[in-house]
Amino acid sequence: MVTPDEAEICCGSAGTYNLERPETAAELGRRKAERLLATEPDLIAAGNIGCLTQIRTYLGPSAGIETLHTVEVLDRAYGRSRPLAPSG
């Protein structure tokens, strides 16, 4: 596990921040993605769905880096072999 530089800086998603201040949110999202990419990760995990969405957006599909919620990482660690089915 590696902690990126400036890990304490928000990804720019923060509730409705990305709707109220889209330019600033975009800059923060790009900055977060750059710091994460600099660690040369095999996988990126985040415990907040807003952060995860923002990180995925600014990494872009060409990055080819898997991004998962922390619970998904734990699910894998416990050996679950198939995706969780939606409840309901």
C-alpha atoms as a PDB file:
ATOM      1  CA  MET A   1       0.000   0.000   0.000  1.00  0.00           C
ATOM      2  CA  VAL A   2       1.316   3.410  -0.967  1.00  0.00           C
ATOM      3  CA  THR A   3       0.101   6.838   0.109  1.00  0.00           C
ATOM      4  CA  PRO A   4       0.320   9.439  -2.663  1.00  0.00           C
ATOM      5  CA  ASP A   5       1.766  12.901  -2.234  1.00  0.00           C
ATOM      6  CA  GLU A   6      -0.837  15.385  -1.023  1.00  0.00           C
ATOM      7  CA  ALA A   7      -3.116  12.541   0.115  1.00  0.00           C
ATOM      8  CA  GLU A   8      -4.868  14.960   2.451  1.00  0.00           C
ATOM      9  CA  ILE A   9      -6.128  17.151  -0.404  1.00  0.00           C
ATOM     10  CA  CYS A  10      -9.747  16.624  -1.456  1.00  0.00           C
ATOM     11  CA  CYS A  11     -10.471  15.018  -4.813  1.00  0.00           C
ATOM     12  CA  GLY A  12     -12.991  17.781  -5.580  1.00  0.00           C
ATOM     13  CA  SER A  13     -16.171  15.749  -5.266  1.00  0.00           C
ATOM     14  CA  ALA A  14     -17.137  16.736  -1.678  1.00  0.00           C
ATOM     15  CA  GLY A  15     -20.907  16.455  -1.702  1.00  0.00           C
ATOM     16  CA  THR A  16     -22.230  18.997  -4.173  1.00  0.00           C
ATOM     17  CA  TYR A  17     -18.931  20.859  -4.504  1.00  0.00           C
ATOM     18  CA  ASN A  18     -18.352  19.493  -8.004  1.00  0.00           C
ATOM     19  CA  LEU A  19     -21.761  20.926  -8.991  1.00  0.00           C
ATOM     20  CA  GLU A  20     -21.360  24.281  -7.227  1.00  0.00           C
ATOM     21  CA  ARG A  21     -17.735  24.886  -8.216  1.00  0.00           C
ATOM     22  CA  PRO A  22     -17.067  22.689 -11.258  1.00  0.00           C
ATOM     23  CA  GLU A  23     -13.843  24.402 -12.354  1.00  0.00           C
ATOM     24  CA  THR A  24     -12.227  24.057  -8.937  1.00  0.00           C
ATOM     25  CA  ALA A  25     -13.542  20.511  -8.556  1.00  0.00           C
ATOM     26  CA  ALA A  26     -12.081  19.585 -11.942  1.00  0.00           C
ATOM     27  CA  GLU A  27      -8.680  21.004 -11.009  1.00  0.00           C
ATOM     28  CA  LEU A  28      -8.705  19.083  -7.724  1.00  0.00           C
ATOM     29  CA  GLY A  29      -9.781  15.915  -9.541  1.00  0.00           C
ATOM     30  CA  ARG A  30      -6.958  16.217 -12.075  1.00  0.00           C
ATOM     31  CA  ARG A  31      -4.467  16.929  -9.314  1.00  0.00           C
ATOM     32  CA  LYS A  32      -5.604  13.905  -7.284  1.00  0.00           C
ATOM     33  CA  ALA A  33      -5.431  11.653 -10.362  1.00  0.00           C
ATOM     34  CA  GLU A  34      -1.912  12.875 -11.181  1.00  0.00           C
ATOM     35  CA  ARG A  35      -0.693  12.196  -7.635  1.00  0.00           C
ATOM     36  CA  LEU A  36      -2.231   8.727  -7.694  1.00  0.00           C
ATOM     37  CA  LEU A  37      -0.705   7.891 -11.086  1.00  0.00           C
ATOM     38  CA  ALA A  38       2.705   8.994  -9.829  1.00  0.00           C
ATOM     39  CA  THR A  39       2.667   6.068  -7.385  1.00  0.00           C
ATOM     40  CA  GLU A  40       2.446   3.625 -10.336  1.00  0.00           C
ATOM     41  CA  PRO A  41      -0.436   1.728  -8.726  1.00  0.00           C
ATOM     42  CA  ASP A  42      -1.700  -1.729  -9.578  1.00  0.00           C
ATOM     43  CA  LEU A  43      -5.028  -0.770  -8.042  1.00  0.00           C
ATOM     44  CA  ILE A  44      -6.614   2.331  -6.512  1.00  0.00           C
ATOM     45  CA  ALA A  45      -9.058   2.020  -3.627  1.00  0.00           C
ATOM     46  CA  ALA A  46     -11.253   4.662  -2.033  1.00  0.00           C
ATOM     47  CA  GLY A  47     -13.779   4.415   0.762  1.00  0.00           C
ATOM     48  CA  ASN A  48     -15.999   7.238  -0.477  1.00  0.00           C
ATOM     49  CA  ILE A  49     -18.136   6.697  -3.585  1.00  0.00           C
ATOM     50  CA  GLY A  50     -17.908  10.394  -4.521  1.00  0.00           C
ATOM     51  CA  CYS A  51     -14.121  10.266  -4.417  1.00  0.00           C
ATOM     52  CA  LEU A  52     -14.083   7.017  -6.338  1.00  0.00           C
ATOM     53  CA  THR A  53     -16.254   8.507  -9.077  1.00  0.00           C
ATOM     54  CA  GLN A  54     -14.119  11.650  -9.266  1.00  0.00           C
ATOM     55  CA  ILE A  55     -10.893   9.645  -9.384  1.00  0.00           C
ATOM     56  CA  ARG A  56     -12.276   7.390 -12.147  1.00  0.00           C
ATOM     57  CA  THR A  57     -13.324  10.441 -14.141  1.00  0.00           C
ATOM     58  CA  TYR A  58      -9.917  12.099 -14.039  1.00  0.00           C
ATOM     59  CA  LEU A  59      -7.874   8.943 -14.475  1.00  0.00           C
ATOM     60  CA  GLY A  60      -9.815   8.252 -17.635  1.00  0.00           C
ATOM     61  CA  PRO A  61     -10.279   4.854 -19.246  1.00  0.00           C
ATOM     62  CA  SER A  62      -6.871   4.927 -20.919  1.00  0.00           C
ATOM     63  CA  ALA A  63      -5.105   4.738 -17.550  1.00  0.00           C
ATOM     64  CA  GLY A  64      -6.069   1.058 -17.357  1.00  0.00           C
ATOM     65  CA  ILE A  65      -5.912   1.084 -13.573  1.00  0.00           C
ATOM     66  CA  GLU A  66      -8.586  -0.743 -11.647  1.00  0.00           C
ATOM     67  CA  THR A  67     -10.400   1.461  -9.141  1.00  0.00           C
ATOM     68  CA  LEU A  68     -12.411  -0.172  -6.380  1.00  0.00           C
ATOM     69  CA  HIS A  69     -14.340   0.758  -3.267  1.00  0.00           C
ATOM     70  CA  THR A  70     -12.645  -0.425  -0.075  1.00  0.00           C
ATOM     71  CA  VAL A  71     -15.431  -2.957   0.490  1.00  0.00           C
ATOM     72  CA  GLU A  72     -14.725  -4.468  -2.940  1.00  0.00           C
ATOM     73  CA  VAL A  73     -11.069  -4.871  -1.987  1.00  0.00           C
ATOM     74  CA  LEU A  74     -12.064  -6.608   1.242  1.00  0.00           C
ATOM     75  CA  ASP A  75     -14.519  -8.797  -0.667  1.00  0.00           C
ATOM     76  CA  ARG A  76     -11.686  -9.988  -2.888  1.00  0.00           C
ATOM     77  CA  ALA A  77      -9.413 -10.513   0.085  1.00  0.00           C
ATOM     78  CA  TYR A  78     -11.992 -12.863   1.590  1.00  0.00           C
ATOM     79  CA  GLY A  79     -12.020 -14.895  -1.616  1.00  0.00           C
ATOM     80  CA  ARG A  80     -15.414 -14.099  -3.084  1.00  0.00           C
ATOM     81  CA  SER A  81     -15.314 -15.389  -6.636  1.00  0.00           C
ATOM     82  CA  ARG A  82     -18.255 -13.551  -8.232  1.00  0.00           C
ATOM     83  CA  PRO A  83     -19.665 -10.019  -8.126  1.00  0.00           C
ATOM     84  CA  LEU A  84     -22.123  -9.216  -5.380  1.00  0.00           C
ATOM     85  CA  ALA A  85     -25.737  -9.359  -6.522  1.00  0.00           C
ATOM     86  CA  PRO A  86     -27.834  -6.262  -5.867  1.00  0.00           C
ATOM     87  CA  SER A  87     -30.166  -6.682  -2.928  1.00  0.00           C
ATOM     88  CA  GLY A  88     -33.848  -6.121  -3.287  1.00  0.00           C
END
